[in-house]
Amino acid sequence: MRFWHWTYRFLQSKWSNKYVWAVVFFVVWITFFDAYNLQFQYRLHREIEETEARIEEYRQKIRALRVEELELKVDKEKYARERYYLHDADEDVFIIK
């Protein structure tokens, strides 16, 4: 009986304040009922991370293509022979992998 009396007095003293109820209501509303609730925020965060990962992947592809473009500009004949196995009519090509 003593425990329940103490618990009741504690809750009555702490939870009877209107500001506490306002904060509790606000937290519950933001957490579950708002248009930008926690689930929506998590989904947005995950989408942002996926987009940033794709951006980094595209940046790496762009760097590789720029190196390839530079090779092409420097020596077109060497690039064509290595990439597309082009050769003259009187040459033999051996591909070793």
N, C-alpha and C. Protein backbone atom coordinates (compact mmCIF):
# COMPACT_ATOMS: atom_id res chain seq x y z
N MET A 1 0.82 -1.19 0.00
CA MET A 1 0.00 0.00 0.00
C MET A 1 0.87 1.26 0.00
N ARG A 2 1.93 1.18 0.72
CA ARG A 2 2.82 2.33 0.82
C ARG A 2 3.42 2.67 -0.55
N PHE A 3 3.80 1.62 -1.32
CA PHE A 3 4.38 1.84 -2.65
C PHE A 3 3.39 2.55 -3.57
N TRP A 4 2.14 2.10 -3.57
CA TRP A 4 1.14 2.69 -4.45
C TRP A 4 0.86 4.14 -4.06
N HIS A 5 0.83 4.38 -2.79
CA HIS A 5 0.61 5.74 -2.31
C HIS A 5 1.75 6.66 -2.77
N TRP A 6 2.98 6.19 -2.62
CA TRP A 6 4.13 6.98 -3.04
C TRP A 6 4.11 7.20 -4.56
N THR A 7 3.80 6.14 -5.35
CA THR A 7 3.73 6.25 -6.81
C THR A 7 2.65 7.24 -7.24
N TYR A 8 1.50 7.14 -6.61
CA TYR A 8 0.40 8.05 -6.94
C TYR A 8 0.79 9.50 -6.65
N ARG A 9 1.41 9.73 -5.49
CA ARG A 9 1.81 11.09 -5.15
C ARG A 9 2.88 11.61 -6.11
N PHE A 10 3.81 10.73 -6.52
CA PHE A 10 4.86 11.14 -7.45
C PHE A 10 4.26 11.52 -8.80
N LEU A 11 3.39 10.66 -9.33
CA LEU A 11 2.77 10.95 -10.62
C LEU A 11 1.87 12.17 -10.56
N GLN A 12 1.18 12.32 -9.47
CA GLN A 12 0.30 13.46 -9.32
C GLN A 12 1.10 14.75 -9.27
N SER A 13 2.22 14.74 -8.60
CA SER A 13 3.00 15.96 -8.49
C SER A 13 3.74 16.27 -9.79
N LYS A 14 4.26 15.24 -10.48
CA LYS A 14 5.05 15.48 -11.69
C LYS A 14 4.18 15.63 -12.94
N TRP A 15 3.12 14.88 -13.04
CA TRP A 15 2.33 14.85 -14.27
C TRP A 15 1.13 15.80 -14.24
N SER A 16 0.95 16.49 -13.17
CA SER A 16 -0.20 17.41 -13.12
C SER A 16 0.15 18.76 -13.73
N ASN A 17 1.39 19.00 -14.02
CA ASN A 17 1.83 20.26 -14.60
C ASN A 17 1.41 20.30 -16.07
N LYS A 18 0.78 21.40 -16.48
CA LYS A 18 0.29 21.50 -17.86
C LYS A 18 1.44 21.56 -18.87
N TYR A 19 2.59 22.05 -18.49
CA TYR A 19 3.72 22.11 -19.40
C TYR A 19 4.29 20.72 -19.69
N VAL A 20 4.28 19.89 -18.68
CA VAL A 20 4.72 18.51 -18.87
C VAL A 20 3.79 17.81 -19.85
N TRP A 21 2.49 18.01 -19.68
CA TRP A 21 1.53 17.39 -20.62
C TRP A 21 1.71 17.95 -22.03
N ALA A 22 2.00 19.22 -22.14
CA ALA A 22 2.22 19.81 -23.46
C ALA A 22 3.44 19.21 -24.14
N VAL A 23 4.51 19.02 -23.38
CA VAL A 23 5.73 18.41 -23.95
C VAL A 23 5.48 16.96 -24.33
N VAL A 24 4.80 16.22 -23.48
CA VAL A 24 4.48 14.83 -23.79
C VAL A 24 3.63 14.74 -25.05
N PHE A 25 2.60 15.58 -25.13
CA PHE A 25 1.74 15.59 -26.31
C PHE A 25 2.56 15.92 -27.57
N PHE A 26 3.43 16.92 -27.47
CA PHE A 26 4.26 17.32 -28.61
C PHE A 26 5.17 16.17 -29.06
N VAL A 27 5.81 15.50 -28.13
CA VAL A 27 6.72 14.40 -28.48
C VAL A 27 5.95 13.25 -29.13
N VAL A 28 4.81 12.91 -28.59
CA VAL A 28 3.99 11.84 -29.17
C VAL A 28 3.51 12.24 -30.56
N TRP A 29 3.08 13.47 -30.71
CA TRP A 29 2.59 13.94 -32.01
C TRP A 29 3.70 13.89 -33.07
N ILE A 30 4.86 14.40 -32.74
CA ILE A 30 5.99 14.41 -33.69
C ILE A 30 6.44 13.00 -34.00
N THR A 31 6.43 12.13 -33.01
CA THR A 31 6.93 10.77 -33.21
C THR A 31 6.01 9.94 -34.09
N PHE A 32 4.70 10.05 -33.92
CA PHE A 32 3.80 9.12 -34.59
C PHE A 32 2.86 9.75 -35.61
N PHE A 33 2.36 10.95 -35.39
CA PHE A 33 1.25 11.47 -36.20
C PHE A 33 1.63 12.53 -37.21
N ASP A 34 2.75 13.15 -37.07
CA ASP A 34 3.14 14.24 -37.96
C ASP A 34 3.47 13.71 -39.35
N ALA A 35 3.39 14.56 -40.35
CA ALA A 35 3.72 14.16 -41.72
C ALA A 35 5.20 13.79 -41.85
N TYR A 36 6.03 14.39 -41.05
CA TYR A 36 7.46 14.10 -41.07
C TYR A 36 7.85 13.33 -39.80
N ASN A 37 7.16 12.23 -39.54
CA ASN A 37 7.41 11.45 -38.32
C ASN A 37 8.73 10.71 -38.41
N LEU A 38 9.04 9.93 -37.40
CA LEU A 38 10.34 9.26 -37.33
C LEU A 38 10.54 8.27 -38.47
N GLN A 39 9.50 7.56 -38.85
CA GLN A 39 9.62 6.60 -39.96
C GLN A 39 9.96 7.32 -41.25
N PHE A 40 9.32 8.44 -41.50
CA PHE A 40 9.58 9.22 -42.71
C PHE A 40 11.00 9.77 -42.68
N GLN A 41 11.45 10.25 -41.51
CA GLN A 41 12.80 10.77 -41.38
C GLN A 41 13.83 9.68 -41.64
N TYR A 42 13.57 8.47 -41.15
CA TYR A 42 14.49 7.35 -41.38
C TYR A 42 14.56 7.01 -42.87
N ARG A 43 13.39 6.99 -43.53
CA ARG A 43 13.36 6.71 -44.96
C ARG A 43 14.15 7.77 -45.74
N LEU A 44 13.98 9.03 -45.38
CA LEU A 44 14.73 10.10 -46.05
C LEU A 44 16.23 9.96 -45.82
N HIS A 45 16.62 9.63 -44.61
CA HIS A 45 18.04 9.45 -44.29
C HIS A 45 18.64 8.31 -45.11
N ARG A 46 17.92 7.21 -45.21
CA ARG A 46 18.40 6.06 -45.99
C ARG A 46 18.50 6.41 -47.48
N GLU A 47 17.53 7.14 -47.99
CA GLU A 47 17.55 7.56 -49.40
C GLU A 47 18.72 8.49 -49.67
N ILE A 48 19.01 9.39 -48.76
CA ILE A 48 20.15 10.31 -48.92
C ILE A 48 21.45 9.53 -48.96
N GLU A 49 21.60 8.54 -48.07
CA GLU A 49 22.82 7.73 -48.07
C GLU A 49 22.98 6.96 -49.37
N GLU A 50 21.89 6.39 -49.89
CA GLU A 50 21.96 5.66 -51.16
C GLU A 50 22.33 6.59 -52.30
N THR A 51 21.77 7.79 -52.30
CA THR A 51 22.07 8.75 -53.36
C THR A 51 23.53 9.20 -53.29
N GLU A 52 24.03 9.43 -52.09
CA GLU A 52 25.44 9.82 -51.96
C GLU A 52 26.36 8.70 -52.41
N ALA A 53 25.98 7.45 -52.15
CA ALA A 53 26.78 6.31 -52.62
C ALA A 53 26.79 6.25 -54.14
N ARG A 54 25.62 6.47 -54.75
CA ARG A 54 25.56 6.48 -56.23
C ARG A 54 26.37 7.64 -56.80
N ILE A 55 26.34 8.79 -56.16
CA ILE A 55 27.12 9.94 -56.63
C ILE A 55 28.61 9.60 -56.61
N GLU A 56 29.08 8.98 -55.54
CA GLU A 56 30.49 8.61 -55.45
C GLU A 56 30.85 7.57 -56.51
N GLU A 57 29.95 6.64 -56.77
CA GLU A 57 30.19 5.65 -57.82
C GLU A 57 30.32 6.31 -59.18
N TYR A 58 29.44 7.26 -59.46
CA TYR A 58 29.51 7.98 -60.74
C TYR A 58 30.78 8.82 -60.84
N ARG A 59 31.21 9.39 -59.74
CA ARG A 59 32.45 10.17 -59.75
C ARG A 59 33.64 9.28 -60.08
N GLN A 60 33.66 8.07 -59.53
CA GLN A 60 34.75 7.15 -59.84
C GLN A 60 34.71 6.75 -61.32
N LYS A 61 33.51 6.52 -61.86
CA LYS A 61 33.39 6.18 -63.27
C LYS A 61 33.87 7.34 -64.15
N ILE A 62 33.54 8.56 -63.74
CA ILE A 62 33.97 9.74 -64.51
C ILE A 62 35.49 9.85 -64.49
N ARG A 63 36.12 9.60 -63.33
CA ARG A 63 37.59 9.64 -63.26
C ARG A 63 38.20 8.60 -64.19
N ALA A 64 37.65 7.39 -64.20
CA ALA A 64 38.18 6.34 -65.07
C ALA A 64 38.00 6.71 -66.54
N LEU A 65 36.88 7.30 -66.88
CA LEU A 65 36.65 7.70 -68.27
C LEU A 65 37.56 8.86 -68.69
N ARG A 66 37.88 9.74 -67.75
CA ARG A 66 38.80 10.83 -68.08
C ARG A 66 40.20 10.30 -68.36
N VAL A 67 40.62 9.30 -67.58
CA VAL A 67 41.92 8.67 -67.84
C VAL A 67 41.91 8.00 -69.21
N GLU A 68 40.83 7.31 -69.51
CA GLU A 68 40.70 6.65 -70.81
C GLU A 68 40.70 7.68 -71.95
N GLU A 69 40.03 8.80 -71.73
CA GLU A 69 40.00 9.86 -72.75
C GLU A 69 41.40 10.43 -72.97
N LEU A 70 42.15 10.58 -71.90
CA LEU A 70 43.51 11.09 -72.01
C LEU A 70 44.38 10.11 -72.80
N GLU A 71 44.23 8.81 -72.54
CA GLU A 71 44.96 7.80 -73.31
C GLU A 71 44.62 7.90 -74.79
N LEU A 72 43.36 8.09 -75.08
CA LEU A 72 42.91 8.19 -76.47
C LEU A 72 43.51 9.41 -77.15
N LYS A 73 43.55 10.53 -76.43
CA LYS A 73 44.09 11.75 -77.02
C LYS A 73 45.60 11.63 -77.27
N VAL A 74 46.30 10.93 -76.38
CA VAL A 74 47.76 10.84 -76.49
C VAL A 74 48.16 9.95 -77.66
N ASP A 75 47.61 8.75 -77.73
CA ASP A 75 48.02 7.82 -78.78
C ASP A 75 46.80 7.04 -79.28
N LYS A 76 46.21 7.52 -80.37
CA LYS A 76 44.98 6.90 -80.88
C LYS A 76 45.23 5.51 -81.45
N GLU A 77 46.35 5.33 -82.10
CA GLU A 77 46.64 4.04 -82.72
C GLU A 77 46.83 2.96 -81.65
N LYS A 78 47.58 3.26 -80.62
CA LYS A 78 47.79 2.30 -79.54
C LYS A 78 46.47 1.96 -78.85
N TYR A 79 45.64 2.97 -78.64
CA TYR A 79 44.35 2.75 -78.01
C TYR A 79 43.48 1.82 -78.85
N ALA A 80 43.43 2.07 -80.15
CA ALA A 80 42.61 1.25 -81.05
C ALA A 80 43.13 -0.19 -81.10
N ARG A 81 44.42 -0.37 -81.12
CA ARG A 81 44.99 -1.72 -81.16
C ARG A 81 44.70 -2.48 -79.87
N GLU A 82 44.83 -1.82 -78.74
CA GLU A 82 44.62 -2.51 -77.46
C GLU A 82 43.15 -2.76 -77.16
N ARG A 83 42.30 -1.80 -77.46
CA ARG A 83 40.89 -1.93 -77.10
C ARG A 83 40.08 -2.73 -78.12
N TYR A 84 40.32 -2.49 -79.37
CA TYR A 84 39.47 -3.08 -80.41
C TYR A 84 40.21 -4.09 -81.27
N TYR A 85 41.44 -4.44 -80.91
CA TYR A 85 42.25 -5.44 -81.60
C TYR A 85 42.38 -5.14 -83.10
N LEU A 86 42.56 -3.88 -83.43
CA LEU A 86 42.74 -3.49 -84.83
C LEU A 86 44.18 -3.77 -85.25
N HIS A 87 44.33 -4.16 -86.48
CA HIS A 87 45.67 -4.44 -86.99
C HIS A 87 45.69 -4.20 -88.49
N ASP A 88 46.90 -4.06 -89.04
CA ASP A 88 47.05 -3.91 -90.48
C ASP A 88 46.85 -5.26 -91.15
N ALA A 89 46.71 -5.23 -92.47
CA ALA A 89 46.44 -6.46 -93.21
C ALA A 89 47.60 -7.45 -93.14
N ASP A 90 48.81 -6.96 -93.07
CA ASP A 90 49.97 -7.86 -93.08
C ASP A 90 50.47 -8.20 -91.68
N GLU A 91 49.71 -7.92 -90.64
CA GLU A 91 50.12 -8.20 -89.28
C GLU A 91 49.31 -9.36 -88.70
N ASP A 92 49.93 -10.06 -87.81
CA ASP A 92 49.25 -11.09 -87.05
C ASP A 92 49.04 -10.59 -85.62
N VAL A 93 47.87 -10.86 -85.05
CA VAL A 93 47.56 -10.40 -83.71
C VAL A 93 47.47 -11.62 -82.79
N PHE A 94 48.20 -11.56 -81.70
CA PHE A 94 48.13 -12.63 -80.69
C PHE A 94 47.57 -11.99 -79.40
N ILE A 95 46.49 -12.57 -78.92
CA ILE A 95 45.84 -12.05 -77.69
C ILE A 95 46.21 -12.98 -76.55
N ILE A 96 46.87 -12.43 -75.56
CA ILE A 96 47.28 -13.20 -74.38
C ILE A 96 46.57 -12.57 -73.16
N LYS A 97 45.82 -13.40 -72.47
CA LYS A 97 45.07 -12.89 -71.32
C LYS A 97 45.58 -13.52 -70.05
